[in-house]
N, C-alpha and C. Protein backbone atom coordinates (compact mmCIF):
# COMPACT_ATOMS: atom_id res chain seq x y z
N MET A 1 2.68 49.31 -3.44
CA MET A 1 1.36 49.19 -2.89
C MET A 1 0.47 48.45 -3.88
N ALA A 2 -0.31 47.48 -3.38
CA ALA A 2 -1.16 46.66 -4.23
C ALA A 2 -2.34 47.47 -4.73
N SER A 3 -2.74 47.14 -5.94
CA SER A 3 -3.88 47.82 -6.55
C SER A 3 -5.18 47.31 -5.93
N ALA A 4 -6.14 48.21 -5.75
CA ALA A 4 -7.45 47.84 -5.23
C ALA A 4 -8.33 47.30 -6.35
N GLU A 5 -7.86 47.40 -7.58
CA GLU A 5 -8.62 46.93 -8.73
C GLU A 5 -8.58 45.40 -8.78
N PRO A 6 -9.73 44.76 -8.99
CA PRO A 6 -9.72 43.30 -9.13
C PRO A 6 -9.02 42.90 -10.42
N ASP A 7 -8.45 41.72 -10.44
CA ASP A 7 -7.79 41.20 -11.64
C ASP A 7 -8.88 40.68 -12.57
N VAL A 8 -9.18 41.46 -13.62
CA VAL A 8 -10.26 41.09 -14.53
C VAL A 8 -9.95 39.83 -15.32
N GLY A 9 -8.70 39.45 -15.39
CA GLY A 9 -8.31 38.24 -16.11
C GLY A 9 -8.41 36.99 -15.25
N ALA A 10 -8.60 37.17 -13.94
CA ALA A 10 -8.68 36.01 -13.04
C ALA A 10 -10.03 35.33 -13.18
N PRO A 11 -10.02 34.00 -13.07
CA PRO A 11 -11.32 33.30 -13.13
C PRO A 11 -12.16 33.65 -11.91
N PRO A 12 -13.47 33.65 -12.06
CA PRO A 12 -14.33 33.97 -10.91
C PRO A 12 -14.18 32.92 -9.82
N ARG A 13 -14.27 33.37 -8.56
CA ARG A 13 -14.21 32.45 -7.43
C ARG A 13 -15.52 31.68 -7.35
N PRO A 14 -15.43 30.38 -7.14
CA PRO A 14 -16.68 29.63 -6.99
C PRO A 14 -17.37 30.01 -5.67
N SER A 15 -18.67 29.91 -5.67
CA SER A 15 -19.42 30.22 -4.45
C SER A 15 -19.19 29.13 -3.41
N MET A 16 -19.47 29.45 -2.17
CA MET A 16 -19.34 28.49 -1.09
C MET A 16 -20.20 27.26 -1.35
N GLU A 17 -21.42 27.49 -1.86
CA GLU A 17 -22.33 26.38 -2.14
C GLU A 17 -21.74 25.46 -3.21
N THR A 18 -21.13 26.04 -4.24
CA THR A 18 -20.50 25.25 -5.29
C THR A 18 -19.35 24.43 -4.72
N ILE A 19 -18.57 25.03 -3.86
CA ILE A 19 -17.44 24.32 -3.24
C ILE A 19 -17.96 23.17 -2.38
N LEU A 20 -19.00 23.42 -1.59
CA LEU A 20 -19.56 22.35 -0.74
C LEU A 20 -20.08 21.19 -1.58
N MET A 21 -20.82 21.49 -2.63
CA MET A 21 -21.38 20.42 -3.47
C MET A 21 -20.27 19.65 -4.20
N ALA A 22 -19.27 20.35 -4.69
CA ALA A 22 -18.16 19.68 -5.37
C ALA A 22 -17.37 18.81 -4.39
N THR A 23 -17.19 19.30 -3.18
CA THR A 23 -16.48 18.52 -2.16
C THR A 23 -17.27 17.27 -1.80
N SER A 24 -18.56 17.42 -1.66
CA SER A 24 -19.42 16.26 -1.36
C SER A 24 -19.33 15.22 -2.47
N ARG A 25 -19.40 15.65 -3.71
CA ARG A 25 -19.28 14.71 -4.84
C ARG A 25 -17.91 14.05 -4.85
N GLY A 26 -16.87 14.83 -4.57
CA GLY A 26 -15.52 14.27 -4.54
C GLY A 26 -15.34 13.23 -3.45
N MET A 27 -15.91 13.50 -2.28
CA MET A 27 -15.83 12.54 -1.19
C MET A 27 -16.56 11.25 -1.56
N ARG A 28 -17.73 11.40 -2.13
CA ARG A 28 -18.51 10.21 -2.52
C ARG A 28 -17.74 9.38 -3.56
N ARG A 29 -17.15 10.06 -4.54
CA ARG A 29 -16.36 9.35 -5.56
C ARG A 29 -15.19 8.62 -4.93
N ALA A 30 -14.50 9.27 -3.98
CA ALA A 30 -13.35 8.65 -3.32
C ALA A 30 -13.79 7.39 -2.57
N TYR A 31 -14.90 7.49 -1.83
CA TYR A 31 -15.41 6.32 -1.12
C TYR A 31 -15.85 5.23 -2.08
N ASP A 32 -16.60 5.60 -3.11
CA ASP A 32 -17.06 4.60 -4.07
C ASP A 32 -15.89 3.88 -4.74
N ASN A 33 -14.84 4.64 -5.08
CA ASN A 33 -13.66 4.03 -5.71
C ASN A 33 -12.99 3.04 -4.77
N ARG A 34 -12.83 3.41 -3.51
CA ARG A 34 -12.18 2.52 -2.53
C ARG A 34 -13.05 1.31 -2.22
N LEU A 35 -14.35 1.53 -2.12
CA LEU A 35 -15.27 0.45 -1.77
C LEU A 35 -15.52 -0.52 -2.92
N ALA A 36 -15.20 -0.10 -4.14
CA ALA A 36 -15.42 -0.96 -5.31
C ALA A 36 -14.70 -2.30 -5.15
N GLY A 37 -13.55 -2.29 -4.51
CA GLY A 37 -12.81 -3.53 -4.28
C GLY A 37 -13.57 -4.52 -3.40
N LEU A 38 -14.50 -4.01 -2.61
CA LEU A 38 -15.35 -4.87 -1.77
C LEU A 38 -16.70 -5.16 -2.44
N GLY A 39 -16.88 -4.59 -3.64
CA GLY A 39 -18.14 -4.78 -4.35
C GLY A 39 -19.27 -3.95 -3.79
N LEU A 40 -18.94 -2.84 -3.11
CA LEU A 40 -19.95 -1.99 -2.48
C LEU A 40 -19.86 -0.56 -2.98
N LYS A 41 -20.96 0.12 -2.85
CA LYS A 41 -21.01 1.58 -3.02
C LYS A 41 -21.14 2.18 -1.63
N LEU A 42 -20.89 3.49 -1.51
CA LEU A 42 -20.92 4.15 -0.21
C LEU A 42 -22.26 3.96 0.49
N SER A 43 -23.36 4.15 -0.22
CA SER A 43 -24.68 4.04 0.40
C SER A 43 -24.94 2.62 0.91
N GLU A 44 -24.46 1.61 0.18
CA GLU A 44 -24.61 0.22 0.64
C GLU A 44 -23.77 -0.03 1.88
N ALA A 45 -22.54 0.46 1.87
CA ALA A 45 -21.66 0.27 3.03
C ALA A 45 -22.23 0.97 4.26
N PHE A 46 -22.80 2.14 4.07
CA PHE A 46 -23.39 2.91 5.17
C PHE A 46 -24.57 2.14 5.78
N LEU A 47 -25.45 1.62 4.92
CA LEU A 47 -26.59 0.85 5.43
C LEU A 47 -26.12 -0.42 6.11
N LEU A 48 -25.18 -1.12 5.50
CA LEU A 48 -24.68 -2.37 6.07
C LEU A 48 -24.08 -2.14 7.45
N ALA A 49 -23.24 -1.14 7.59
CA ALA A 49 -22.62 -0.84 8.89
C ALA A 49 -23.69 -0.46 9.91
N HIS A 50 -24.69 0.30 9.48
CA HIS A 50 -25.76 0.75 10.38
C HIS A 50 -26.52 -0.45 10.94
N VAL A 51 -26.95 -1.34 10.07
CA VAL A 51 -27.75 -2.49 10.55
C VAL A 51 -26.87 -3.48 11.30
N HIS A 52 -25.62 -3.60 10.92
CA HIS A 52 -24.71 -4.53 11.60
C HIS A 52 -24.45 -4.08 13.05
N ARG A 53 -24.28 -2.79 13.24
CA ARG A 53 -23.99 -2.26 14.58
C ARG A 53 -25.22 -2.20 15.47
N ARG A 54 -26.38 -1.93 14.89
CA ARG A 54 -27.58 -1.70 15.69
C ARG A 54 -28.49 -2.92 15.80
N GLY A 55 -28.25 -3.92 14.98
CA GLY A 55 -29.08 -5.12 15.03
C GLY A 55 -30.29 -5.00 14.12
N PRO A 56 -31.10 -6.05 14.09
CA PRO A 56 -32.23 -6.10 13.17
C PRO A 56 -33.17 -4.91 13.35
N MET A 57 -33.64 -4.39 12.23
CA MET A 57 -34.60 -3.28 12.25
C MET A 57 -35.44 -3.32 10.98
N THR A 58 -36.53 -2.60 11.02
CA THR A 58 -37.41 -2.55 9.86
C THR A 58 -36.84 -1.62 8.80
N GLN A 59 -37.38 -1.75 7.59
CA GLN A 59 -36.95 -0.88 6.50
C GLN A 59 -37.26 0.57 6.84
N THR A 60 -38.39 0.82 7.47
CA THR A 60 -38.74 2.19 7.86
C THR A 60 -37.75 2.73 8.88
N GLN A 61 -37.39 1.93 9.87
CA GLN A 61 -36.40 2.36 10.87
C GLN A 61 -35.06 2.65 10.20
N LEU A 62 -34.66 1.81 9.26
CA LEU A 62 -33.41 2.03 8.54
C LEU A 62 -33.46 3.33 7.75
N ALA A 63 -34.55 3.54 7.03
CA ALA A 63 -34.69 4.77 6.23
C ALA A 63 -34.60 6.01 7.11
N GLU A 64 -35.29 5.98 8.24
CA GLU A 64 -35.25 7.13 9.15
C GLU A 64 -33.86 7.31 9.74
N GLY A 65 -33.21 6.22 10.12
CA GLY A 65 -31.88 6.29 10.72
C GLY A 65 -30.82 6.81 9.75
N LEU A 66 -31.01 6.51 8.47
CA LEU A 66 -30.04 6.92 7.46
C LEU A 66 -30.42 8.24 6.79
N GLY A 67 -31.65 8.69 7.03
CA GLY A 67 -32.09 9.95 6.43
C GLY A 67 -32.35 9.85 4.94
N ILE A 68 -32.81 8.67 4.49
CA ILE A 68 -33.13 8.50 3.07
C ILE A 68 -34.54 7.93 2.96
N GLY A 69 -35.09 7.91 1.76
CA GLY A 69 -36.45 7.43 1.55
C GLY A 69 -36.57 5.92 1.69
N ARG A 70 -37.79 5.48 1.91
CA ARG A 70 -38.04 4.05 2.07
C ARG A 70 -37.77 3.28 0.80
N ALA A 71 -38.11 3.86 -0.35
CA ALA A 71 -37.88 3.18 -1.62
C ALA A 71 -36.38 3.01 -1.88
N ALA A 72 -35.62 4.06 -1.64
CA ALA A 72 -34.16 3.97 -1.82
C ALA A 72 -33.56 2.96 -0.84
N THR A 73 -34.09 2.94 0.37
CA THR A 73 -33.62 1.97 1.37
C THR A 73 -33.92 0.56 0.90
N GLY A 74 -35.12 0.35 0.35
CA GLY A 74 -35.48 -0.97 -0.17
C GLY A 74 -34.54 -1.43 -1.27
N ALA A 75 -34.16 -0.52 -2.16
CA ALA A 75 -33.23 -0.87 -3.24
C ALA A 75 -31.85 -1.24 -2.68
N LEU A 76 -31.40 -0.53 -1.65
CA LEU A 76 -30.12 -0.85 -1.03
C LEU A 76 -30.18 -2.22 -0.34
N ILE A 77 -31.28 -2.48 0.34
CA ILE A 77 -31.46 -3.78 1.01
C ILE A 77 -31.44 -4.90 -0.04
N ASP A 78 -32.15 -4.69 -1.15
CA ASP A 78 -32.17 -5.69 -2.22
C ASP A 78 -30.75 -5.98 -2.72
N ALA A 79 -29.97 -4.94 -2.94
CA ALA A 79 -28.60 -5.11 -3.44
C ALA A 79 -27.74 -5.87 -2.42
N LEU A 80 -27.87 -5.51 -1.15
CA LEU A 80 -27.08 -6.18 -0.11
C LEU A 80 -27.56 -7.61 0.12
N GLU A 81 -28.84 -7.85 -0.09
CA GLU A 81 -29.37 -9.20 0.04
C GLU A 81 -28.80 -10.10 -1.07
N ARG A 82 -28.72 -9.56 -2.29
CA ARG A 82 -28.12 -10.32 -3.41
C ARG A 82 -26.67 -10.67 -3.13
N LYS A 83 -25.99 -9.82 -2.37
CA LYS A 83 -24.58 -10.06 -2.02
C LYS A 83 -24.46 -10.91 -0.75
N GLU A 84 -25.61 -11.33 -0.21
CA GLU A 84 -25.69 -12.16 0.99
C GLU A 84 -25.06 -11.50 2.22
N LEU A 85 -25.23 -10.18 2.31
CA LEU A 85 -24.70 -9.42 3.44
C LEU A 85 -25.80 -9.03 4.43
N VAL A 86 -27.05 -8.98 3.97
CA VAL A 86 -28.19 -8.77 4.85
C VAL A 86 -29.26 -9.78 4.46
N GLU A 87 -30.19 -9.97 5.39
CA GLU A 87 -31.32 -10.85 5.11
C GLU A 87 -32.57 -10.28 5.76
N ARG A 88 -33.69 -10.56 5.13
CA ARG A 88 -34.99 -10.16 5.67
C ARG A 88 -35.61 -11.35 6.38
N SER A 89 -36.27 -11.06 7.48
CA SER A 89 -37.01 -12.11 8.20
C SER A 89 -38.32 -11.51 8.70
N ALA A 90 -39.28 -12.38 8.93
CA ALA A 90 -40.58 -11.92 9.40
C ALA A 90 -40.46 -11.31 10.79
N HIS A 91 -41.18 -10.23 10.99
CA HIS A 91 -41.25 -9.57 12.30
C HIS A 91 -42.22 -10.37 13.16
N ALA A 92 -41.79 -10.78 14.34
CA ALA A 92 -42.62 -11.62 15.21
C ALA A 92 -43.92 -10.93 15.62
N GLY A 93 -43.88 -9.63 15.82
CA GLY A 93 -45.05 -8.91 16.31
C GLY A 93 -45.95 -8.32 15.23
N ASP A 94 -45.48 -8.31 13.97
CA ASP A 94 -46.25 -7.68 12.91
C ASP A 94 -45.96 -8.40 11.59
N ARG A 95 -46.90 -9.20 11.12
CA ARG A 95 -46.69 -10.00 9.92
C ARG A 95 -46.55 -9.15 8.66
N ARG A 96 -46.92 -7.89 8.71
CA ARG A 96 -46.80 -7.01 7.54
C ARG A 96 -45.39 -6.46 7.38
N VAL A 97 -44.55 -6.63 8.40
CA VAL A 97 -43.24 -5.98 8.45
C VAL A 97 -42.13 -7.02 8.39
N TRP A 98 -41.06 -6.66 7.68
CA TRP A 98 -39.86 -7.48 7.62
C TRP A 98 -38.77 -6.82 8.44
N LEU A 99 -37.98 -7.63 9.11
CA LEU A 99 -36.79 -7.13 9.80
C LEU A 99 -35.58 -7.37 8.91
N VAL A 100 -34.69 -6.43 8.89
CA VAL A 100 -33.46 -6.54 8.12
C VAL A 100 -32.32 -6.72 9.11
N ALA A 101 -31.51 -7.75 8.89
CA ALA A 101 -30.36 -8.03 9.76
C ALA A 101 -29.14 -8.34 8.92
N SER A 102 -27.98 -8.09 9.47
CA SER A 102 -26.75 -8.47 8.76
C SER A 102 -26.55 -9.97 8.90
N THR A 103 -25.89 -10.55 7.91
CA THR A 103 -25.61 -11.97 7.93
C THR A 103 -24.24 -12.22 8.57
N GLU A 104 -23.94 -13.47 8.78
CA GLU A 104 -22.63 -13.84 9.32
C GLU A 104 -21.50 -13.36 8.41
N ARG A 105 -21.78 -13.38 7.13
CA ARG A 105 -20.79 -12.96 6.12
C ARG A 105 -20.48 -11.46 6.21
N ALA A 106 -21.38 -10.69 6.82
CA ALA A 106 -21.23 -9.23 6.85
C ALA A 106 -20.12 -8.76 7.79
N GLY A 107 -19.90 -9.47 8.89
CA GLY A 107 -18.93 -9.03 9.90
C GLY A 107 -17.56 -8.67 9.34
N PRO A 108 -16.91 -9.59 8.62
CA PRO A 108 -15.60 -9.26 8.05
C PRO A 108 -15.66 -8.11 7.04
N VAL A 109 -16.75 -8.01 6.31
CA VAL A 109 -16.89 -6.92 5.33
C VAL A 109 -17.00 -5.59 6.06
N VAL A 110 -17.79 -5.55 7.13
CA VAL A 110 -17.93 -4.32 7.91
C VAL A 110 -16.57 -3.93 8.50
N ASP A 111 -15.80 -4.89 8.95
CA ASP A 111 -14.46 -4.61 9.47
C ASP A 111 -13.56 -4.00 8.38
N GLU A 112 -13.65 -4.54 7.16
CA GLU A 112 -12.86 -4.00 6.05
C GLU A 112 -13.31 -2.59 5.69
N VAL A 113 -14.62 -2.36 5.73
CA VAL A 113 -15.15 -1.02 5.45
C VAL A 113 -14.62 -0.03 6.48
N ALA A 114 -14.61 -0.44 7.76
CA ALA A 114 -14.12 0.45 8.82
C ALA A 114 -12.64 0.78 8.62
N ALA A 115 -11.84 -0.20 8.23
CA ALA A 115 -10.42 0.04 7.99
C ALA A 115 -10.22 0.96 6.79
N LEU A 116 -10.98 0.72 5.74
CA LEU A 116 -10.90 1.56 4.54
C LEU A 116 -11.31 2.99 4.88
N ASP A 117 -12.36 3.14 5.67
CA ASP A 117 -12.84 4.46 6.08
C ASP A 117 -11.77 5.21 6.87
N ALA A 118 -11.14 4.53 7.81
CA ALA A 118 -10.11 5.18 8.63
C ALA A 118 -8.94 5.65 7.75
N ALA A 119 -8.53 4.81 6.83
CA ALA A 119 -7.41 5.18 5.95
C ALA A 119 -7.78 6.35 5.04
N LEU A 120 -8.97 6.32 4.49
CA LEU A 120 -9.39 7.40 3.59
C LEU A 120 -9.56 8.71 4.35
N ARG A 121 -10.11 8.65 5.56
CA ARG A 121 -10.25 9.86 6.37
C ARG A 121 -8.88 10.47 6.66
N ALA A 122 -7.90 9.64 6.97
CA ALA A 122 -6.56 10.15 7.24
C ALA A 122 -6.00 10.88 6.02
N GLU A 123 -6.23 10.33 4.84
CA GLU A 123 -5.76 10.97 3.62
C GLU A 123 -6.53 12.27 3.34
N MET A 124 -7.84 12.22 3.48
CA MET A 124 -8.67 13.40 3.16
C MET A 124 -8.34 14.58 4.06
N TRP A 125 -8.09 14.32 5.33
CA TRP A 125 -7.90 15.40 6.29
C TRP A 125 -6.42 15.74 6.51
N SER A 126 -5.56 15.16 5.70
CA SER A 126 -4.13 15.45 5.79
C SER A 126 -3.88 16.94 5.61
N GLY A 127 -3.11 17.53 6.51
CA GLY A 127 -2.77 18.95 6.42
C GLY A 127 -3.85 19.87 6.97
N ILE A 128 -4.92 19.30 7.50
CA ILE A 128 -6.01 20.11 8.07
C ILE A 128 -6.03 19.80 9.57
N SER A 129 -5.81 20.83 10.37
CA SER A 129 -5.67 20.61 11.82
C SER A 129 -6.98 20.19 12.47
N ARG A 130 -6.87 19.63 13.65
CA ARG A 130 -8.05 19.24 14.44
C ARG A 130 -8.94 20.46 14.70
N ALA A 131 -8.30 21.61 15.02
CA ALA A 131 -9.07 22.84 15.27
C ALA A 131 -9.82 23.27 14.01
N GLU A 132 -9.18 23.18 12.85
CA GLU A 132 -9.86 23.54 11.60
C GLU A 132 -11.03 22.60 11.32
N ARG A 133 -10.83 21.31 11.56
CA ARG A 133 -11.91 20.34 11.36
C ARG A 133 -13.07 20.61 12.31
N ARG A 134 -12.75 20.92 13.56
CA ARG A 134 -13.79 21.21 14.55
C ARG A 134 -14.58 22.47 14.14
N ALA A 135 -13.88 23.50 13.72
CA ALA A 135 -14.55 24.74 13.30
C ALA A 135 -15.43 24.48 12.07
N LEU A 136 -14.93 23.71 11.13
CA LEU A 136 -15.72 23.37 9.94
C LEU A 136 -16.96 22.58 10.34
N SER A 137 -16.80 21.63 11.22
CA SER A 137 -17.92 20.82 11.68
C SER A 137 -18.99 21.68 12.34
N GLU A 138 -18.57 22.58 13.21
CA GLU A 138 -19.52 23.46 13.89
C GLU A 138 -20.27 24.35 12.89
N THR A 139 -19.56 24.85 11.91
CA THR A 139 -20.18 25.70 10.90
C THR A 139 -21.17 24.90 10.06
N LEU A 140 -20.79 23.71 9.65
CA LEU A 140 -21.68 22.89 8.83
C LEU A 140 -22.92 22.46 9.61
N LEU A 141 -22.78 22.20 10.89
CA LEU A 141 -23.95 21.86 11.71
C LEU A 141 -24.92 23.04 11.80
N ARG A 142 -24.40 24.25 11.92
CA ARG A 142 -25.26 25.44 11.93
C ARG A 142 -25.95 25.61 10.57
N LEU A 143 -25.21 25.34 9.51
CA LEU A 143 -25.78 25.42 8.16
C LEU A 143 -26.91 24.39 8.02
N GLN A 144 -26.68 23.18 8.53
CA GLN A 144 -27.75 22.16 8.48
C GLN A 144 -28.98 22.62 9.25
N ASP A 145 -28.78 23.23 10.40
CA ASP A 145 -29.91 23.76 11.17
C ASP A 145 -30.67 24.81 10.36
N ASN A 146 -29.94 25.71 9.71
CA ASN A 146 -30.57 26.74 8.89
C ASN A 146 -31.37 26.11 7.74
N LEU A 147 -30.80 25.10 7.11
CA LEU A 147 -31.49 24.43 6.02
C LEU A 147 -32.73 23.69 6.52
N ALA A 148 -32.64 23.07 7.68
CA ALA A 148 -33.81 22.39 8.26
C ALA A 148 -34.92 23.40 8.53
N ALA A 149 -34.55 24.59 9.04
CA ALA A 149 -35.55 25.63 9.30
C ALA A 149 -36.20 26.09 7.99
N ILE A 150 -35.41 26.23 6.95
CA ILE A 150 -35.94 26.63 5.63
C ILE A 150 -36.90 25.56 5.15
N HIS A 151 -36.49 24.31 5.26
CA HIS A 151 -37.32 23.19 4.80
C HIS A 151 -38.63 23.16 5.59
N ASN A 152 -38.56 23.32 6.90
CA ASN A 152 -39.77 23.29 7.74
C ASN A 152 -40.71 24.45 7.41
N ASP A 153 -40.14 25.60 7.03
CA ASP A 153 -40.98 26.75 6.66
C ASP A 153 -41.73 26.50 5.37
N GLN A 154 -41.18 25.62 4.50
CA GLN A 154 -41.78 25.37 3.20
C GLN A 154 -42.81 24.24 3.25
N ILE A 155 -42.90 23.56 4.36
CA ILE A 155 -43.85 22.44 4.45
C ILE A 155 -45.22 22.95 4.81
């Protein structure tokens, strides 16, 4: 019969929050490592794919769509503009606003990002069933709702 006494020599179990944060960092590192061959970071690839699929939009629209700040969005746009993957143009209806659009050069890069993403997802989720992924997704969405409620209560 197994002892009810905990193994005092065993290392402490990490908290769920620690596991989530470490997993998030690990996923970001994996994406950044794979994307390095394309000269991109995950946040740049995410913005590029977003604007490429949805068409020209303002920096504010991009920031809201990606859930990041306007300043961070501006820095990503600057980096992608230097790589000639996006370009800014004047907004026809509002001279104070710039539209951000993907360039012709972006299409093949977005295709490579999509292929890299599919391959990495297959590796990351190896050995984890569709049902397990679905249950995890549902749980994480509820957690996000709880966090949004906490955030809204603090505003």
